[in-house]
PDB file of N, CA and C in Angstrom:
ATOM      1  N   MET A   1      -7.691 -28.457  -7.273  1.00  0.00           N
ATOM      2  CA  MET A   1      -8.499 -28.058  -6.126  1.00  0.00           C
ATOM      3  C   MET A   1      -8.980 -29.319  -5.409  1.00  0.00           C
ATOM      4  N   VAL A   2      -8.826 -29.320  -4.120  1.00  0.00           N
ATOM      5  CA  VAL A   2      -9.247 -30.457  -3.313  1.00  0.00           C
ATOM      6  C   VAL A   2     -10.728 -30.315  -3.009  1.00  0.00           C
ATOM      7  N   VAL A   3     -11.498 -31.297  -3.455  1.00  0.00           N
ATOM      8  CA  VAL A   3     -12.942 -31.228  -3.294  1.00  0.00           C
ATOM      9  C   VAL A   3     -13.362 -31.583  -1.876  1.00  0.00           C
ATOM     10  N   ASP A   4     -12.573 -32.376  -1.186  1.00  0.00           N
ATOM     11  CA  ASP A   4     -12.954 -32.806   0.155  1.00  0.00           C
ATOM     12  C   ASP A   4     -12.807 -31.709   1.199  1.00  0.00           C
ATOM     13  N   SER A   5     -12.115 -30.640   0.870  1.00  0.00           N
ATOM     14  CA  SER A   5     -11.893 -29.599   1.871  1.00  0.00           C
ATOM     15  C   SER A   5     -13.167 -28.786   2.092  1.00  0.00           C
ATOM     16  N   PRO A   6     -13.363 -28.322   3.307  1.00  0.00           N
ATOM     17  CA  PRO A   6     -14.542 -27.493   3.597  1.00  0.00           C
ATOM     18  C   PRO A   6     -14.522 -26.173   2.842  1.00  0.00           C
ATOM     19  N   ASP A   7     -13.322 -25.701   2.469  1.00  0.00           N
ATOM     20  CA  ASP A   7     -13.231 -24.445   1.732  1.00  0.00           C
ATOM     21  C   ASP A   7     -13.928 -24.522   0.377  1.00  0.00           C
ATOM     22  N   TYR A   8     -13.899 -25.686  -0.242  1.00  0.00           N
ATOM     23  CA  TYR A   8     -14.558 -25.862  -1.536  1.00  0.00           C
ATOM     24  C   TYR A   8     -16.055 -25.638  -1.401  1.00  0.00           C
ATOM     25  N   PHE A   9     -16.661 -26.248  -0.408  1.00  0.00           N
ATOM     26  CA  PHE A   9     -18.106 -26.139  -0.240  1.00  0.00           C
ATOM     27  C   PHE A   9     -18.516 -24.767   0.279  1.00  0.00           C
ATOM     28  N   ILE A  10     -17.660 -24.164   1.094  1.00  0.00           N
ATOM     29  CA  ILE A  10     -17.931 -22.797   1.540  1.00  0.00           C
ATOM     30  C   ILE A  10     -17.866 -21.850   0.351  1.00  0.00           C
ATOM     31  N   GLY A  11     -16.939 -22.089  -0.554  1.00  0.00           N
ATOM     32  CA  GLY A  11     -16.836 -21.270  -1.765  1.00  0.00           C
ATOM     33  C   GLY A  11     -18.063 -21.405  -2.648  1.00  0.00           C
ATOM     34  N   VAL A  12     -18.568 -22.626  -2.776  1.00  0.00           N
ATOM     35  CA  VAL A  12     -19.786 -22.844  -3.567  1.00  0.00           C
ATOM     36  C   VAL A  12     -20.980 -22.152  -2.906  1.00  0.00           C
ATOM     37  N   ALA A  13     -21.087 -22.269  -1.593  1.00  0.00           N
ATOM     38  CA  ALA A  13     -22.190 -21.610  -0.886  1.00  0.00           C
ATOM     39  C   ALA A  13     -22.071 -20.096  -0.983  1.00  0.00           C
ATOM     40  N   GLN A  14     -20.863 -19.579  -0.890  1.00  0.00           N
ATOM     41  CA  GLN A  14     -20.654 -18.141  -1.005  1.00  0.00           C
ATOM     42  C   GLN A  14     -21.027 -17.653  -2.400  1.00  0.00           C
ATOM     43  N   GLN A  15     -20.647 -18.408  -3.410  1.00  0.00           N
ATOM     44  CA  GLN A  15     -21.005 -18.054  -4.781  1.00  0.00           C
ATOM     45  C   GLN A  15     -22.523 -18.108  -4.967  1.00  0.00           C
ATOM     46  N   ALA A  16     -23.180 -19.094  -4.376  1.00  0.00           N
ATOM     47  CA  ALA A  16     -24.639 -19.205  -4.487  1.00  0.00           C
ATOM     48  C   ALA A  16     -25.324 -18.016  -3.829  1.00  0.00           C
ATOM     49  N   LEU A  17     -24.856 -17.593  -2.664  1.00  0.00           N
ATOM     50  CA  LEU A  17     -25.450 -16.428  -2.001  1.00  0.00           C
ATOM     51  C   LEU A  17     -25.241 -15.168  -2.814  1.00  0.00           C
ATOM     52  N   TRP A  18     -24.072 -15.029  -3.436  1.00  0.00           N
ATOM     53  CA  TRP A  18     -23.804 -13.859  -4.253  1.00  0.00           C
ATOM     54  C   TRP A  18     -24.721 -13.839  -5.482  1.00  0.00           C
ATOM     55  N   VAL A  19     -24.904 -14.986  -6.119  1.00  0.00           N
ATOM     56  CA  VAL A  19     -25.776 -15.065  -7.297  1.00  0.00           C
ATOM     57  C   VAL A  19     -27.218 -14.744  -6.913  1.00  0.00           C
ATOM     58  N   VAL A  20     -27.670 -15.249  -5.778  1.00  0.00           N
ATOM     59  CA  VAL A  20     -29.035 -14.960  -5.326  1.00  0.00           C
ATOM     60  C   VAL A  20     -29.192 -13.468  -5.040  1.00  0.00           C
ATOM     61  N   SER A  21     -28.179 -12.869  -4.432  1.00  0.00           N
ATOM     62  CA  SER A  21     -28.237 -11.431  -4.148  1.00  0.00           C
ATOM     63  C   SER A  21     -28.316 -10.626  -5.438  1.00  0.00           C
ATOM     64  N   LEU A  22     -27.521 -11.009  -6.423  1.00  0.00           N
ATOM     65  CA  LEU A  22     -27.562 -10.308  -7.707  1.00  0.00           C
ATOM     66  C   LEU A  22     -28.875 -10.540  -8.449  1.00  0.00           C
ATOM     67  N   ALA A  23     -29.469 -11.696  -8.245  1.00  0.00           N
ATOM     68  CA  ALA A  23     -30.705 -12.016  -8.956  1.00  0.00           C
ATOM     69  C   ALA A  23     -31.910 -11.276  -8.381  1.00  0.00           C
ATOM     70  N   VAL A  24     -31.962 -11.095  -7.075  1.00  0.00           N
ATOM     71  CA  VAL A  24     -33.146 -10.480  -6.471  1.00  0.00           C
ATOM     72  C   VAL A  24     -33.037  -8.973  -6.319  1.00  0.00           C
ATOM     73  N   ALA A  25     -31.826  -8.428  -6.380  1.00  0.00           N
ATOM     74  CA  ALA A  25     -31.648  -6.981  -6.178  1.00  0.00           C
ATOM     75  C   ALA A  25     -32.414  -6.131  -7.190  1.00  0.00           C
ATOM     76  N   PRO A  26     -32.418  -6.473  -8.497  1.00  0.00           N
ATOM     77  CA  PRO A  26     -33.160  -5.624  -9.441  1.00  0.00           C
ATOM     78  C   PRO A  26     -34.674  -5.636  -9.228  1.00  0.00           C
ATOM     79  N   ILE A  27     -35.163  -6.566  -8.432  1.00  0.00           N
ATOM     80  CA  ILE A  27     -36.598  -6.616  -8.157  1.00  0.00           C
ATOM     81  C   ILE A  27     -36.901  -6.007  -6.796  1.00  0.00           C
ATOM     82  N   LEU A  28     -36.106  -6.346  -5.795  1.00  0.00           N
ATOM     83  CA  LEU A  28     -36.395  -5.895  -4.435  1.00  0.00           C
ATOM     84  C   LEU A  28     -36.121  -4.414  -4.216  1.00  0.00           C
ATOM     85  N   ILE A  29     -35.057  -3.891  -4.790  1.00  0.00           N
ATOM     86  CA  ILE A  29     -34.713  -2.489  -4.547  1.00  0.00           C
ATOM     87  C   ILE A  29     -35.778  -1.534  -5.093  1.00  0.00           C
ATOM     88  N   PRO A  30     -36.236  -1.688  -6.348  1.00  0.00           N
ATOM     89  CA  PRO A  30     -37.318  -0.801  -6.805  1.00  0.00           C
ATOM     90  C   PRO A  30     -38.625  -0.994  -6.019  1.00  0.00           C
ATOM     91  N   ALA A  31     -38.914  -2.225  -5.610  1.00  0.00           N
ATOM     92  CA  ALA A  31     -40.126  -2.460  -4.814  1.00  0.00           C
ATOM     93  C   ALA A  31     -40.008  -1.776  -3.453  1.00  0.00           C
ATOM     94  N   LEU A  32     -38.822  -1.807  -2.868  1.00  0.00           N
ATOM     95  CA  LEU A  32     -38.594  -1.131  -1.592  1.00  0.00           C
ATOM     96  C   LEU A  32     -38.748   0.375  -1.740  1.00  0.00           C
ATOM     97  N   ILE A  33     -38.170   0.927  -2.784  1.00  0.00           N
ATOM     98  CA  ILE A  33     -38.286   2.374  -3.013  1.00  0.00           C
ATOM     99  C   ILE A  33     -39.737   2.764  -3.254  1.00  0.00           C
ATOM    100  N   ALA A  34     -40.444   1.986  -4.062  1.00  0.00           N
ATOM    101  CA  ALA A  34     -41.858   2.282  -4.312  1.00  0.00           C
ATOM    102  C   ALA A  34     -42.664   2.190  -3.020  1.00  0.00           C
ATOM    103  N   GLY A  35     -42.376   1.223  -2.183  1.00  0.00           N
ATOM    104  CA  GLY A  35     -43.086   1.085  -0.920  1.00  0.00           C
ATOM    105  C   GLY A  35     -42.851   2.255   0.013  1.00  0.00           C
ATOM    106  N   VAL A  36     -41.612   2.733   0.081  1.00  0.00           N
ATOM    107  CA  VAL A  36     -41.303   3.879   0.941  1.00  0.00           C
ATOM    108  C   VAL A  36     -41.987   5.139   0.432  1.00  0.00           C
ATOM    109  N   VAL A  37     -41.914   5.363  -0.886  1.00  0.00           N
ATOM    110  CA  VAL A  37     -42.557   6.556  -1.460  1.00  0.00           C
ATOM    111  C   VAL A  37     -44.065   6.500  -1.259  1.00  0.00           C
ATOM    112  N   LEU A  38     -44.659   5.368  -1.525  1.00  0.00           N
ATOM    113  CA  LEU A  38     -46.107   5.245  -1.350  1.00  0.00           C
ATOM    114  C   LEU A  38     -46.505   5.354   0.115  1.00  0.00           C
ATOM    115  N   GLY A  39     -45.680   4.844   1.005  1.00  0.00           N
ATOM    116  CA  GLY A  39     -45.957   4.978   2.435  1.00  0.00           C
ATOM    117  C   GLY A  39     -45.921   6.419   2.883  1.00  0.00           C
ATOM    118  N   MET A  40     -44.953   7.171   2.350  1.00  0.00           N
ATOM    119  CA  MET A  40     -44.889   8.597   2.697  1.00  0.00           C
ATOM    120  C   MET A  40     -46.085   9.361   2.146  1.00  0.00           C
ATOM    121  N   ILE A  41     -46.509   9.009   0.948  1.00  0.00           N
ATOM    122  CA  ILE A  41     -47.692   9.664   0.362  1.00  0.00           C
ATOM    123  C   ILE A  41     -48.931   9.324   1.170  1.00  0.00           C
ATOM    124  N   GLN A  42     -49.077   8.064   1.561  1.00  0.00           N
ATOM    125  CA  GLN A  42     -50.232   7.672   2.359  1.00  0.00           C
ATOM    126  C   GLN A  42     -50.210   8.337   3.729  1.00  0.00           C
ATOM    127  N   ALA A  43     -49.032   8.483   4.315  1.00  0.00           N
ATOM    128  CA  ALA A  43     -48.949   9.142   5.619  1.00  0.00           C
ATOM    129  C   ALA A  43     -49.279  10.628   5.506  1.00  0.00           C
ATOM    130  N   ALA A  44     -48.852  11.243   4.415  1.00  0.00           N
ATOM    131  CA  ALA A  44     -49.110  12.675   4.242  1.00  0.00           C
ATOM    132  C   ALA A  44     -50.574  12.959   3.957  1.00  0.00           C
ATOM    133  N   THR A  45     -51.239  12.035   3.270  1.00  0.00           N
ATOM    134  CA  THR A  45     -52.635  12.260   2.898  1.00  0.00           C
ATOM    135  C   THR A  45     -53.621  11.541   3.812  1.00  0.00           C
ATOM    136  N   SER A  46     -53.131  10.778   4.761  1.00  0.00           N
ATOM    137  CA  SER A  46     -53.969  10.010   5.696  1.00  0.00           C
ATOM    138  C   SER A  46     -54.907   9.040   4.986  1.00  0.00           C
ATOM    139  N   ILE A  47     -54.450   8.503   3.864  1.00  0.00           N
ATOM    140  CA  ILE A  47     -55.216   7.483   3.138  1.00  0.00           C
ATOM    141  C   ILE A  47     -54.681   6.127   3.576  1.00  0.00           C
ATOM    142  N   ASN A  48     -55.526   5.298   4.136  1.00  0.00           N
ATOM    143  CA  ASN A  48     -55.099   3.997   4.649  1.00  0.00           C
ATOM    144  C   ASN A  48     -55.668   2.842   3.837  1.00  0.00           C
ATOM    145  N   GLU A  49     -55.704   2.991   2.552  1.00  0.00           N
ATOM    146  CA  GLU A  49     -56.213   1.937   1.674  1.00  0.00           C
ATOM    147  C   GLU A  49     -55.068   0.990   1.317  1.00  0.00           C
ATOM    148  N   ALA A  50     -55.258  -0.300   1.567  1.00  0.00           N
ATOM    149  CA  ALA A  50     -54.191  -1.283   1.340  1.00  0.00           C
ATOM    150  C   ALA A  50     -53.875  -1.456  -0.136  1.00  0.00           C
ATOM    151  N   THR A  51     -54.877  -1.353  -0.989  1.00  0.00           N
ATOM    152  CA  THR A  51     -54.637  -1.564  -2.415  1.00  0.00           C
ATOM    153  C   THR A  51     -53.833  -0.423  -3.029  1.00  0.00           C
ATOM    154  N   LEU A  52     -53.843   0.744  -2.390  1.00  0.00           N
ATOM    155  CA  LEU A  52     -53.063   1.857  -2.923  1.00  0.00           C
ATOM    156  C   LEU A  52     -51.566   1.617  -2.801  1.00  0.00           C
ATOM    157  N   SER A  53     -51.141   0.782  -1.900  1.00  0.00           N
ATOM    158  CA  SER A  53     -49.716   0.461  -1.809  1.00  0.00           C
ATOM    159  C   SER A  53     -49.393  -0.850  -2.526  1.00  0.00           C
ATOM    160  N   PHE A  54     -50.346  -1.758  -2.597  1.00  0.00           N
ATOM    161  CA  PHE A  54     -50.082  -3.066  -3.188  1.00  0.00           C
ATOM    162  C   PHE A  54     -50.021  -3.011  -4.710  1.00  0.00           C
ATOM    163  N   VAL A  55     -50.976  -2.366  -5.332  1.00  0.00           N
ATOM    164  CA  VAL A  55     -51.056  -2.364  -6.794  1.00  0.00           C
ATOM    165  C   VAL A  55     -49.854  -1.657  -7.432  1.00  0.00           C
ATOM    166  N   PRO A  56     -49.449  -0.473  -6.978  1.00  0.00           N
ATOM    167  CA  PRO A  56     -48.263   0.131  -7.597  1.00  0.00           C
ATOM    168  C   PRO A  56     -46.986  -0.690  -7.398  1.00  0.00           C
ATOM    169  N   LYS A  57     -46.824  -1.310  -6.223  1.00  0.00           N
ATOM    170  CA  LYS A  57     -45.657  -2.167  -6.017  1.00  0.00           C
ATOM    171  C   LYS A  57     -45.702  -3.377  -6.943  1.00  0.00           C
ATOM    172  N   LEU A  58     -46.884  -3.910  -7.153  1.00  0.00           N
ATOM    173  CA  LEU A  58     -47.033  -5.035  -8.077  1.00  0.00           C
ATOM    174  C   LEU A  58     -46.666  -4.612  -9.499  1.00  0.00           C
ATOM    175  N   ILE A  59     -47.056  -3.425  -9.885  1.00  0.00           N
ATOM    176  CA  ILE A  59     -46.718  -2.915 -11.217  1.00  0.00           C
ATOM    177  C   ILE A  59     -45.213  -2.699 -11.340  1.00  0.00           C
ATOM    178  N   VAL A  60     -44.586  -2.150 -10.297  1.00  0.00           N
ATOM    179  CA  VAL A  60     -43.137  -1.930 -10.314  1.00  0.00           C
ATOM    180  C   VAL A  60     -42.399  -3.258 -10.422  1.00  0.00           C
ATOM    181  N   VAL A  61     -42.817  -4.251  -9.668  1.00  0.00           N
ATOM    182  CA  VAL A  61     -42.166  -5.570  -9.729  1.00  0.00           C
ATOM    183  C   VAL A  61     -42.363  -6.193 -11.110  1.00  0.00           C
ATOM    184  N   GLY A  62     -43.551  -6.050 -11.672  1.00  0.00           N
ATOM    185  CA  GLY A  62     -43.796  -6.576 -13.015  1.00  0.00           C
ATOM    186  C   GLY A  62     -42.913  -5.915 -14.062  1.00  0.00           C
ATOM    187  N   LEU A  63     -42.780  -4.598 -13.980  1.00  0.00           N
ATOM    188  CA  LEU A  63     -41.914  -3.884 -14.917  1.00  0.00           C
ATOM    189  C   LEU A  63     -40.454  -4.290 -14.750  1.00  0.00           C
ATOM    190  N   CYS A  64     -40.038  -4.467 -13.518  1.00  0.00           N
ATOM    191  CA  CYS A  64     -38.658  -4.901 -13.261  1.00  0.00           C
ATOM    192  C   CYS A  64     -38.418  -6.310 -13.804  1.00  0.00           C
ATOM    193  N   LEU A  65     -39.404  -7.174 -13.679  1.00  0.00           N
ATOM    194  CA  LEU A  65     -39.252  -8.515 -14.245  1.00  0.00           C
ATOM    195  C   LEU A  65     -39.173  -8.474 -15.764  1.00  0.00           C
ATOM    196  N   ILE A  66     -39.935  -7.573 -16.372  1.00  0.00           N
ATOM    197  CA  ILE A  66     -39.880  -7.437 -17.828  1.00  0.00           C
ATOM    198  C   ILE A  66     -38.515  -6.906 -18.251  1.00  0.00           C
ATOM    199  N   LEU A  67     -38.018  -5.890 -17.519  1.00  0.00           N
ATOM    200  CA  LEU A  67     -36.749  -5.266 -17.889  1.00  0.00           C
ATOM    201  C   LEU A  67     -35.543  -6.151 -17.574  1.00  0.00           C
ATOM    202  N   PHE A  68     -35.526  -6.762 -16.398  1.00  0.00           N
ATOM    203  CA  PHE A  68     -34.345  -7.473 -15.937  1.00  0.00           C
ATOM    204  C   PHE A  68     -34.493  -8.994 -15.936  1.00  0.00           C
ATOM    205  N   GLY A  69     -35.639  -9.502 -16.356  1.00  0.00           N
ATOM    206  CA  GLY A  69     -35.884 -10.946 -16.293  1.00  0.00           C
ATOM    207  C   GLY A  69     -34.892 -11.764 -17.089  1.00  0.00           C
ATOM    208  N   SER A  70     -34.559 -11.314 -18.284  1.00  0.00           N
ATOM    209  CA  SER A  70     -33.624 -12.092 -19.108  1.00  0.00           C
ATOM    210  C   SER A  70     -32.219 -12.081 -18.499  1.00  0.00           C
ATOM    211  N   ALA A  71     -31.803 -10.959 -17.938  1.00  0.00           N
ATOM    212  CA  ALA A  71     -30.479 -10.900 -17.310  1.00  0.00           C
ATOM    213  C   ALA A  71     -30.426 -11.797 -16.070  1.00  0.00           C
ATOM    214  N   ILE A  72     -31.510 -11.808 -15.308  1.00  0.00           N
ATOM    215  CA  ILE A  72     -31.563 -12.666 -14.121  1.00  0.00           C
ATOM    216  C   ILE A  72     -31.521 -14.133 -14.521  1.00  0.00           C
ATOM    217  N   LEU A  73     -32.274 -14.487 -15.555  1.00  0.00           N
ATOM    218  CA  LEU A  73     -32.264 -15.879 -16.012  1.00  0.00           C
ATOM    219  C   LEU A  73     -30.905 -16.288 -16.556  1.00  0.00           C
ATOM    220  N   MET A  74     -30.219 -15.378 -17.257  1.00  0.00           N
ATOM    221  CA  MET A  74     -28.880 -15.685 -17.758  1.00  0.00           C
ATOM    222  C   MET A  74     -27.905 -15.896 -16.600  1.00  0.00           C
ATOM    223  N   LEU A  75     -28.020 -15.076 -15.569  1.00  0.00           N
ATOM    224  CA  LEU A  75     -27.168 -15.218 -14.389  1.00  0.00           C
ATOM    225  C   LEU A  75     -27.396 -16.569 -13.713  1.00  0.00           C
ATOM    226  N   LEU A  76     -28.654 -16.931 -13.529  1.00  0.00           N
ATOM    227  CA  LEU A  76     -28.971 -18.212 -12.909  1.00  0.00           C
ATOM    228  C   LEU A  76     -28.557 -19.388 -13.781  1.00  0.00           C
ATOM    229  N   MET A  77     -28.696 -19.223 -15.091  1.00  0.00           N
ATOM    230  CA  MET A  77     -28.302 -20.286 -16.008  1.00  0.00           C
ATOM    231  C   MET A  77     -26.784 -20.491 -15.986  1.00  0.00           C
ATOM    232  N   ASP A  78     -26.018 -19.408 -15.962  1.00  0.00           N
ATOM    233  CA  ASP A  78     -24.562 -19.533 -15.897  1.00  0.00           C
ATOM    234  C   ASP A  78     -24.122 -20.197 -14.598  1.00  0.00           C
ATOM    235  N   PHE A  79     -24.761 -19.827 -13.498  1.00  0.00           N
ATOM    236  CA  PHE A  79     -24.421 -20.446 -12.219  1.00  0.00           C
ATOM    237  C   PHE A  79     -24.756 -21.938 -12.221  1.00  0.00           C
ATOM    238  N   THR A  80     -25.906 -22.287 -12.753  1.00  0.00           N
ATOM    239  CA  THR A  80     -26.307 -23.692 -12.813  1.00  0.00           C
ATOM    240  C   THR A  80     -25.351 -24.495 -13.685  1.00  0.00           C
ATOM    241  N   GLN A  81     -24.952 -23.943 -14.827  1.00  0.00           N
ATOM    242  CA  GLN A  81     -23.997 -24.637 -15.685  1.00  0.00           C
ATOM    243  C   GLN A  81     -22.653 -24.807 -14.981  1.00  0.00           C
ATOM    244  N   ASP A  82     -22.239 -23.802 -14.219  1.00  0.00           N
ATOM    245  CA  ASP A  82     -20.989 -23.898 -13.471  1.00  0.00           C
ATOM    246  C   ASP A  82     -21.068 -24.995 -12.409  1.00  0.00           C
ATOM    247  N   ILE A  83     -22.194 -25.071 -11.719  1.00  0.00           N
ATOM    248  CA  ILE A  83     -22.373 -26.113 -10.700  1.00  0.00           C
ATOM    249  C   ILE A  83     -22.391 -27.496 -11.349  1.00  0.00           C
ATOM    250  N   PHE A  84     -23.092 -27.627 -12.477  1.00  0.00           N
ATOM    251  CA  PHE A  84     -23.121 -28.919 -13.157  1.00  0.00           C
ATOM    252  C   PHE A  84     -21.748 -29.303 -13.689  1.00  0.00           C
ATOM    253  N   ALA A  85     -20.957 -28.318 -14.093  1.00  0.00           N
ATOM    254  CA  ALA A  85     -19.612 -28.612 -14.582  1.00  0.00           C
ATOM    255  C   ALA A  85     -18.700 -29.085 -13.456  1.00  0.00           C
ATOM    256  N   ARG A  86     -19.029 -28.737 -12.222  1.00  0.00           N
ATOM    257  CA  ARG A  86     -18.215 -29.162 -11.072  1.00  0.00           C
ATOM    258  C   ARG A  86     -18.559 -30.575 -10.591  1.00  0.00           C
ATOM    259  N   ILE A  87     -19.631 -31.159 -11.061  1.00  0.00           N
ATOM    260  CA  ILE A  87     -20.060 -32.480 -10.591  1.00  0.00           C
ATOM    261  C   ILE A  87     -18.993 -33.559 -10.812  1.00  0.00           C
ATOM    262  N   PRO A  88     -18.328 -33.612 -11.967  1.00  0.00           N
ATOM    263  CA  PRO A  88     -17.301 -34.653 -12.123  1.00  0.00           C
ATOM    264  C   PRO A  88     -16.167 -34.538 -11.100  1.00  0.00           C
ATOM    265  N   ASP A  89     -15.865 -33.319 -10.633  1.00  0.00           N
ATOM    266  CA  ASP A  89     -14.812 -33.154  -9.629  1.00  0.00           C
ATOM    267  C   ASP A  89     -15.215 -33.755  -8.280  1.00  0.00           C
ATOM    268  N   LEU A  90     -16.499 -33.870  -8.028  1.00  0.00           N
ATOM    269  CA  LEU A  90     -16.960 -34.406  -6.749  1.00  0.00           C
ATOM    270  C   LEU A  90     -16.783 -35.907  -6.642  1.00  0.00           C
ATOM    271  N   THR A  91     -16.662 -36.625  -7.748  1.00  0.00           N
ATOM    272  CA  THR A  91     -16.568 -38.071  -7.730  1.00  0.00           C
ATOM    273  C   THR A  91     -15.136 -38.553  -7.516  1.00  0.00           C
ATOM    274  N   ARG A  92     -14.167 -37.660  -7.544  1.00  0.00           N
ATOM    275  CA  ARG A  92     -12.762 -38.067  -7.365  1.00  0.00           C
ATOM    276  C   ARG A  92     -12.420 -38.262  -5.929  1.00  0.00           C
TER     277      ARG A  92
END
């Protein structure tokens, strides 16, 4: 693989964006769903308390971090090891 080509760096950037997407999806998607559900409940009941939407979303994000945190860290660790393994190819 030719390291000087722009395709190499575009591939690395594309892989980085994919890893970031996979890392944040297990946290953002449940938080988004919780926010929509809580927003609909607040709209139906006319309760405009800010903490009623913030605290449950915080709990959902915390639970998601507990459930998926190790998988996210493993994904990031594998990507970092892959990037570090590519460093010797950059010096050629």
